[in-house]
Amino acid sequence: MDELLEIIKKQAATNQSLTEENFLLREQVAYLTQKLYGKSSEKNTVQSGQMSLFEEEETPSQEDSDLPR
């Protein structure tokens, strides 16, 4: 009978330890997921002095107007 109680105590301690580890791992996954896919990953800041590729309106060049149609 004492053997069974000892086994139960060990199993309860193991269960508690695994539950705590599971909780910590879930927190870590939530943190890393937020870091990877969170709001800040999509920030679009313009650095001073950096030129934009798409601000100018496209106009046909002089060479294009010389081509026969």
Protein backbone atom coordinates (compact mmCIF):
# COMPACT_ATOMS: atom_id res chain seq x y z
CA MET A 1 0.00 0.00 0.00
CA ASP A 2 2.85 2.40 0.79
CA GLU A 3 4.35 1.60 -2.58
CA LEU A 4 1.19 2.74 -4.35
CA LEU A 5 1.07 6.00 -2.39
CA GLU A 6 4.69 6.68 -3.31
CA ILE A 7 3.91 6.06 -7.00
CA ILE A 8 0.91 8.39 -6.79
CA LYS A 9 3.06 11.13 -5.20
CA LYS A 10 5.71 10.78 -7.90
CA GLN A 11 3.10 10.88 -10.64
CA ALA A 12 1.49 13.98 -9.10
CA ALA A 13 4.88 15.73 -8.93
CA THR A 14 5.64 14.78 -12.54
CA ASN A 15 2.20 15.97 -13.61
CA GLN A 16 2.71 19.32 -11.85
CA SER A 17 6.15 19.76 -13.41
CA LEU A 18 4.86 19.02 -16.90
CA THR A 19 1.90 21.35 -16.43
CA GLU A 20 4.24 24.20 -15.47
CA GLU A 21 6.53 23.47 -18.41
CA ASN A 22 3.53 23.40 -20.77
CA PHE A 23 2.37 26.78 -19.45
CA LEU A 24 5.81 28.34 -19.97
CA LEU A 25 6.09 26.92 -23.49
CA ARG A 26 2.65 28.27 -24.40
CA GLU A 27 3.68 31.71 -23.17
CA GLN A 28 6.86 31.50 -25.22
CA VAL A 29 4.95 30.51 -28.37
CA ALA A 30 2.48 33.36 -27.86
CA TYR A 31 5.30 35.87 -27.38
CA LEU A 32 7.25 34.70 -30.43
CA THR A 33 4.10 34.57 -32.57
CA GLN A 34 3.28 38.15 -31.58
CA LYS A 35 6.86 39.19 -32.31
CA LEU A 36 6.83 37.52 -35.72
CA TYR A 37 3.32 38.37 -36.95
CA GLY A 38 2.42 41.31 -34.71
CA LYS A 39 1.62 44.86 -35.69
CA SER A 40 5.21 46.05 -35.68
CA SER A 41 6.29 43.61 -38.39
CA GLU A 42 4.21 45.53 -40.96
CA LYS A 43 5.47 49.03 -40.16
CA ASN A 44 6.33 51.07 -43.22
CA THR A 45 8.58 53.96 -42.28
CA VAL A 46 10.21 56.29 -44.76
CA GLN A 47 13.80 57.07 -43.95
CA SER A 48 15.02 60.60 -44.57
CA GLY A 49 17.03 60.88 -47.76
CA GLN A 50 15.60 57.68 -49.22
CA MET A 51 13.99 58.10 -52.63
CA SER A 52 10.68 56.50 -53.46
CA LEU A 53 10.28 54.29 -56.50
CA PHE A 54 6.56 54.84 -57.06
CA GLU A 55 5.76 58.49 -56.24
CA GLU A 56 6.29 59.82 -59.74
CA GLU A 57 3.58 59.46 -62.33
CA GLU A 58 4.71 57.45 -65.33
CA THR A 59 4.84 59.38 -68.60
CA PRO A 60 5.81 58.04 -72.01
CA SER A 61 9.37 58.91 -72.89
CA GLN A 62 10.35 60.91 -75.98
CA GLU A 63 11.71 57.74 -77.59
CA ASP A 64 8.35 55.99 -77.28
CA SER A 65 6.54 58.78 -79.12
CA ASP A 66 8.94 58.46 -82.08
CA LEU A 67 7.95 54.84 -82.68
CA PRO A 68 5.43 54.13 -85.47
CA ARG A 69 2.03 52.93 -84.37
